[in-house]
C-alpha atoms as a PDB file:
ATOM      1  CA  MET A   1      58.601 -22.401 -77.814  1.00  0.00           C
ATOM      2  CA  THR A   2      57.863 -20.070 -74.912  1.00  0.00           C
ATOM      3  CA  THR A   3      59.806 -19.713 -71.738  1.00  0.00           C
ATOM      4  CA  THR A   4      58.209 -19.571 -68.339  1.00  0.00           C
ATOM      5  CA  ARG A   5      59.255 -16.761 -66.065  1.00  0.00           C
ATOM      6  CA  THR A   6      59.394 -17.308 -62.346  1.00  0.00           C
ATOM      7  CA  ALA A   7      59.376 -14.774 -59.534  1.00  0.00           C
ATOM      8  CA  ARG A   8      63.201 -14.871 -59.329  1.00  0.00           C
ATOM      9  CA  SER A   9      63.724 -14.286 -63.033  1.00  0.00           C
ATOM     10  CA  GLY A  10      63.566 -10.889 -64.655  1.00  0.00           C
ATOM     11  CA  ILE A  11      64.620  -7.526 -63.264  1.00  0.00           C
ATOM     12  CA  ARG A  12      61.967  -7.332 -60.521  1.00  0.00           C
ATOM     13  CA  GLY A  13      62.740 -10.815 -59.314  1.00  0.00           C
ATOM     14  CA  ARG A  14      66.466 -10.098 -59.174  1.00  0.00           C
ATOM     15  CA  ILE A  15      65.915  -6.855 -57.263  1.00  0.00           C
ATOM     16  CA  THR A  16      63.711  -8.672 -54.761  1.00  0.00           C
ATOM     17  CA  ALA A  17      66.309 -11.406 -54.344  1.00  0.00           C
ATOM     18  CA  LEU A  18      69.051  -8.805 -53.701  1.00  0.00           C
ATOM     19  CA  ARG A  19      66.882  -7.060 -51.065  1.00  0.00           C
ATOM     20  CA  GLU A  20      66.159 -10.361 -49.340  1.00  0.00           C
ATOM     21  CA  ARG A  21      69.838 -11.259 -49.297  1.00  0.00           C
ATOM     22  CA  ARG A  22      70.806  -7.825 -47.939  1.00  0.00           C
ATOM     23  CA  HIS A  23      68.182  -7.807 -45.160  1.00  0.00           C
ATOM     24  CA  GLY A  24      68.512 -11.474 -44.276  1.00  0.00           C
ATOM     25  CA  THR A  25      64.979 -12.412 -45.266  1.00  0.00           C
ATOM     26  CA  GLY A  26      65.871 -14.917 -47.969  1.00  0.00           C
ATOM     27  CA  TYR A  27      64.875 -18.516 -48.000  1.00  0.00           C
ATOM     28  CA  GLY A  28      68.413 -19.819 -47.755  1.00  0.00           C
ATOM     29  CA  ASN A  29      69.294 -18.675 -44.223  1.00  0.00           C
ATOM     30  CA  GLY A  30      67.477 -19.515 -41.012  1.00  0.00           C
ATOM     31  CA  THR A  31      66.619 -15.924 -40.069  1.00  0.00           C
ATOM     32  CA  GLY A  32      64.284 -15.244 -43.003  1.00  0.00           C
ATOM     33  CA  ASN A  33      61.081 -16.609 -41.514  1.00  0.00           C
ATOM     34  CA  ARG A  34      60.613 -14.058 -38.723  1.00  0.00           C
ATOM     35  CA  ARG A  35      57.575 -12.423 -40.290  1.00  0.00           C
ATOM     36  CA  ARG A  36      55.987 -15.740 -41.137  1.00  0.00           C
ATOM     37  CA  ASP A  37      56.567 -16.993 -37.590  1.00  0.00           C
ATOM     38  CA  ARG A  38      54.896 -13.863 -36.226  1.00  0.00           C
ATOM     39  CA  ASP A  39      51.819 -14.340 -38.466  1.00  0.00           C
ATOM     40  CA  ARG A  40      51.452 -18.040 -37.758  1.00  0.00           C
ATOM     41  CA  GLY A  41      47.880 -18.909 -36.711  1.00  0.00           C
ATOM     42  CA  GLN A  42      46.405 -15.658 -38.050  1.00  0.00           C
ATOM     43  CA  THR A  43      43.990 -17.428 -40.391  1.00  0.00           C
ATOM     44  CA  ALA A  44      42.785 -19.796 -37.674  1.00  0.00           C
ATOM     45  CA  ILE A  45      42.040 -16.910 -35.315  1.00  0.00           C
ATOM     46  CA  GLU A  46      40.177 -14.989 -38.039  1.00  0.00           C
ATOM     47  CA  PHE A  47      38.137 -18.077 -38.893  1.00  0.00           C
ATOM     48  CA  LEU A  48      37.224 -18.647 -35.245  1.00  0.00           C
ATOM     49  CA  GLY A  49      36.134 -15.024 -34.972  1.00  0.00           C
ATOM     50  CA  MET A  50      33.917 -15.309 -38.043  1.00  0.00           C
ATOM     51  CA  THR A  51      32.375 -18.693 -37.170  1.00  0.00           C
ATOM     52  CA  PRO A  52      29.427 -17.281 -35.149  1.00  0.00           C
ATOM     53  CA  PHE A  53      28.550 -14.923 -37.990  1.00  0.00           C
ATOM     54  CA  ILE A  54      28.741 -17.739 -40.532  1.00  0.00           C
ATOM     55  CA  ILE A  55      26.426 -19.882 -38.393  1.00  0.00           C
ATOM     56  CA  LEU A  56      23.997 -16.972 -37.941  1.00  0.00           C
ATOM     57  CA  ILE A  57      23.879 -16.344 -41.689  1.00  0.00           C
ATOM     58  CA  MET A  58      23.209 -20.043 -42.311  1.00  0.00           C
ATOM     59  CA  LEU A  59      20.321 -20.001 -39.802  1.00  0.00           C
ATOM     60  CA  VAL A  60      18.792 -16.907 -41.421  1.00  0.00           C
ATOM     61  CA  LEU A  61      19.059 -18.444 -44.889  1.00  0.00           C
ATOM     62  CA  TRP A  62      17.472 -21.677 -43.659  1.00  0.00           C
ATOM     63  CA  GLU A  63      14.599 -19.724 -42.099  1.00  0.00           C
ATOM     64  CA  CYS A  64      14.091 -17.926 -45.429  1.00  0.00           C
ATOM     65  CA  ALA A  65      13.906 -21.345 -47.113  1.00  0.00           C
ATOM     66  CA  LEU A  66      11.262 -22.418 -44.563  1.00  0.00           C
ATOM     67  CA  ILE A  67       9.220 -19.297 -45.365  1.00  0.00           C
ATOM     68  CA  GLY A  68       9.348 -20.092 -49.086  1.00  0.00           C
ATOM     69  CA  TYR A  69       8.389 -23.705 -48.494  1.00  0.00           C
ATOM     70  CA  THR A  70       5.458 -22.556 -46.348  1.00  0.00           C
ATOM     71  CA  PHE A  71       4.186 -20.447 -49.275  1.00  0.00           C
ATOM     72  CA  SER A  72       4.331 -23.528 -51.487  1.00  0.00           C
ATOM     73  CA  LEU A  73       2.577 -25.744 -48.928  1.00  0.00           C
ATOM     74  CA  ALA A  74      -0.203 -23.222 -48.273  1.00  0.00           C
ATOM     75  CA  GLY A  75      -0.987 -22.823 -51.966  1.00  0.00           C
ATOM     76  CA  ASN A  76      -0.945 -26.567 -52.608  1.00  0.00           C
ATOM     77  CA  ALA A  77      -3.110 -27.355 -49.577  1.00  0.00           C
ATOM     78  CA  ALA A  78      -5.673 -24.733 -50.616  1.00  0.00           C
ATOM     79  CA  ASP A  79      -5.733 -26.097 -54.153  1.00  0.00           C
ATOM     80  CA  VAL A  80      -6.274 -29.697 -53.011  1.00  0.00           C
ATOM     81  CA  GLY A  81      -8.934 -28.595 -50.520  1.00  0.00           C
ATOM     82  CA  ALA A  82     -10.829 -26.608 -53.165  1.00  0.00           C
ATOM     83  CA  ARG A  83     -10.780 -29.517 -55.621  1.00  0.00           C
ATOM     84  CA  LYS A  84     -11.956 -32.006 -52.970  1.00  0.00           C
ATOM     85  CA  GLY A  85     -14.703 -29.644 -51.814  1.00  0.00           C
ATOM     86  CA  SER A  86     -15.970 -28.890 -55.317  1.00  0.00           C
ATOM     87  CA  GLY A  87     -16.305 -32.563 -56.175  1.00  0.00           C
ATOM     88  CA  ALA A  88     -17.834 -33.796 -52.912  1.00  0.00           C
ATOM     89  CA  GLU A  89     -21.411 -35.019 -53.088  1.00  0.00           C
ATOM     90  CA  PHE A  90     -21.994 -34.903 -49.315  1.00  0.00           C
ATOM     91  CA  ALA A  91     -20.288 -32.681 -46.709  1.00  0.00           C
ATOM     92  CA  PRO A  92     -18.087 -30.589 -49.028  1.00  0.00           C
ATOM     93  CA  GLY A  93     -16.662 -28.630 -46.062  1.00  0.00           C
ATOM     94  CA  LEU A  94     -15.349 -31.790 -44.417  1.00  0.00           C
ATOM     95  CA  ALA A  95     -13.925 -33.067 -47.723  1.00  0.00           C
ATOM     96  CA  CYS A  96     -12.244 -29.708 -48.265  1.00  0.00           C
ATOM     97  CA  ARG A  97     -10.662 -29.689 -44.798  1.00  0.00           C
ATOM     98  CA  GLU A  98      -9.467 -33.299 -45.030  1.00  0.00           C
ATOM     99  CA  GLY A  99      -8.009 -32.679 -48.498  1.00  0.00           C
ATOM    100  CA  ALA A 100      -6.184 -29.560 -47.344  1.00  0.00           C
ATOM    101  CA  LEU A 101      -4.656 -31.269 -44.296  1.00  0.00           C
ATOM    102  CA  LYS A 102      -3.848 -34.582 -45.988  1.00  0.00           C
ATOM    103  CA  ASP A 103      -0.337 -33.834 -47.304  1.00  0.00           C
ATOM    104  CA  LEU A 104       0.858 -31.245 -44.775  1.00  0.00           C
ATOM    105  CA  PRO A 105       4.002 -32.187 -42.810  1.00  0.00           C
ATOM    106  CA  ASP A 106       3.696 -32.362 -39.023  1.00  0.00           C
ATOM    107  CA  ALA A 107       5.629 -29.136 -38.407  1.00  0.00           C
ATOM    108  CA  TRP A 108       3.000 -27.151 -40.340  1.00  0.00           C
ATOM    109  CA  THR A 109      -0.156 -28.769 -38.936  1.00  0.00           C
ATOM    110  CA  GLU A 110       0.120 -26.904 -35.633  1.00  0.00           C
ATOM    111  CA  GLY A 111      -2.078 -23.813 -35.745  1.00  0.00           C
ATOM    112  CA  VAL A 112      -3.359 -24.403 -39.284  1.00  0.00           C
ATOM    113  CA  VAL A 113      -6.610 -22.618 -40.233  1.00  0.00           C
ATOM    114  CA  VAL A 114      -8.683 -23.997 -43.121  1.00  0.00           C
ATOM    115  CA  LYS A 115     -11.701 -22.033 -44.407  1.00  0.00           C
ATOM    116  CA  CYS A 116     -13.896 -23.557 -47.081  1.00  0.00           C
ATOM    117  CA  ARG A 117     -16.928 -22.008 -48.745  1.00  0.00           C
ATOM    118  CA  GLY A 118     -18.956 -22.841 -51.776  1.00  0.00           C
ATOM    119  CA  GLY A 119     -20.603 -20.415 -54.106  1.00  0.00           C
ATOM    120  CA  SER A 120     -22.904 -20.913 -57.044  1.00  0.00           C
ATOM    121  CA  ARG A 121     -20.130 -21.622 -59.547  1.00  0.00           C
ATOM    122  CA  LEU A 122     -16.850 -21.649 -57.594  1.00  0.00           C
ATOM    123  CA  TYR A 123     -15.723 -23.488 -54.463  1.00  0.00           C
ATOM    124  CA  GLU A 124     -13.016 -21.595 -52.575  1.00  0.00           C
ATOM    125  CA  ALA A 125     -10.551 -22.759 -49.941  1.00  0.00           C
ATOM    126  CA  THR A 126      -8.177 -20.663 -47.840  1.00  0.00           C
ATOM    127  CA  VAL A 127      -5.373 -22.253 -45.819  1.00  0.00           C
ATOM    128  CA  GLU A 128      -3.356 -20.260 -43.285  1.00  0.00           C
ATOM    129  CA  LEU A 129      -0.115 -21.818 -42.055  1.00  0.00           C
ATOM    130  CA  LYS A 130       2.300 -20.678 -39.367  1.00  0.00           C
ATOM    131  CA  VAL A 131       5.966 -20.682 -40.398  1.00  0.00           C
ATOM    132  CA  PRO A 132       7.910 -23.089 -38.159  1.00  0.00           C
ATOM    133  CA  VAL A 133      11.059 -21.787 -36.515  1.00  0.00           C
ATOM    134  CA  LEU A 134      14.330 -23.653 -36.867  1.00  0.00           C
ATOM    135  CA  VAL A 135      15.453 -22.834 -33.311  1.00  0.00           C
ATOM    136  CA  PRO A 136      12.242 -22.536 -31.220  1.00  0.00           C
ATOM    137  CA  GLY A 137      13.787 -21.174 -28.025  1.00  0.00           C
ATOM    138  CA  LEU A 138      15.908 -18.548 -29.766  1.00  0.00           C
ATOM    139  CA  PHE A 139      13.252 -16.472 -31.525  1.00  0.00           C
ATOM    140  CA  ASP A 140       9.719 -16.781 -32.835  1.00  0.00           C
ATOM    141  CA  LEU A 141       8.653 -15.155 -36.089  1.00  0.00           C
ATOM    142  CA  ASP A 142       4.914 -15.589 -35.505  1.00  0.00           C
ATOM    143  CA  THR A 143       4.413 -15.239 -39.258  1.00  0.00           C
ATOM    144  CA  LYS A 144       1.367 -16.672 -40.964  1.00  0.00           C
ATOM    145  CA  ILE A 145       1.231 -17.436 -44.676  1.00  0.00           C
ATOM    146  CA  LYS A 146      -2.115 -17.581 -46.448  1.00  0.00           C
ATOM    147  CA  GLY A 147      -2.878 -19.624 -49.552  1.00  0.00           C
ATOM    148  CA  THR A 148      -6.142 -19.274 -51.472  1.00  0.00           C
ATOM    149  CA  ALA A 149      -7.496 -21.387 -54.316  1.00  0.00           C
ATOM    150  CA  GLY A 150     -10.743 -21.948 -56.163  1.00  0.00           C
ATOM    151  CA  SER A 151     -12.204 -24.760 -58.182  1.00  0.00           C
ATOM    152  CA  PRO A 152     -15.322 -24.750 -60.377  1.00  0.00           C
ATOM    153  CA  MET A 153     -18.277 -26.623 -58.901  1.00  0.00           C
ATOM    154  CA  GLU A 154     -18.870 -30.024 -60.444  1.00  0.00           C
ATOM    155  CA  ASP A 155     -22.365 -31.018 -61.504  1.00  0.00           C
ATOM    156  CA  GLN A 156     -23.765 -33.847 -59.429  1.00  0.00           C
END
């Protein structure tokens, strides 16, 4: 069976207890909480001081997530547009554009550029999306993400 040692047991604990008793900082008397009374509220003040930085870091991380999601949307829209354009019997450019814009969320449809072109064996689509900003009035990235895809031409 093992014994559990507390802070008051052992030589170090006894020395600390003697010092506290000598200087009047022990737990038993009413004068021992002077330092704790002086530091009361310290954590709350530090947290309030750090709150703007925490919020700023969260906004930056969210904007980074929006940039990554824009990469995913641009690639997917170009892929769908290329497949629709390669399989269209009539007006492949219109089918490509409609396919590329079909699944885009509203925040990404503003300022979207879709370029479709067919070759002899490959139909290519390029979609350029503008990254939306989480706080529009605060700053504007004006970043455009380009996604390109190709699909083999289907025989009609």
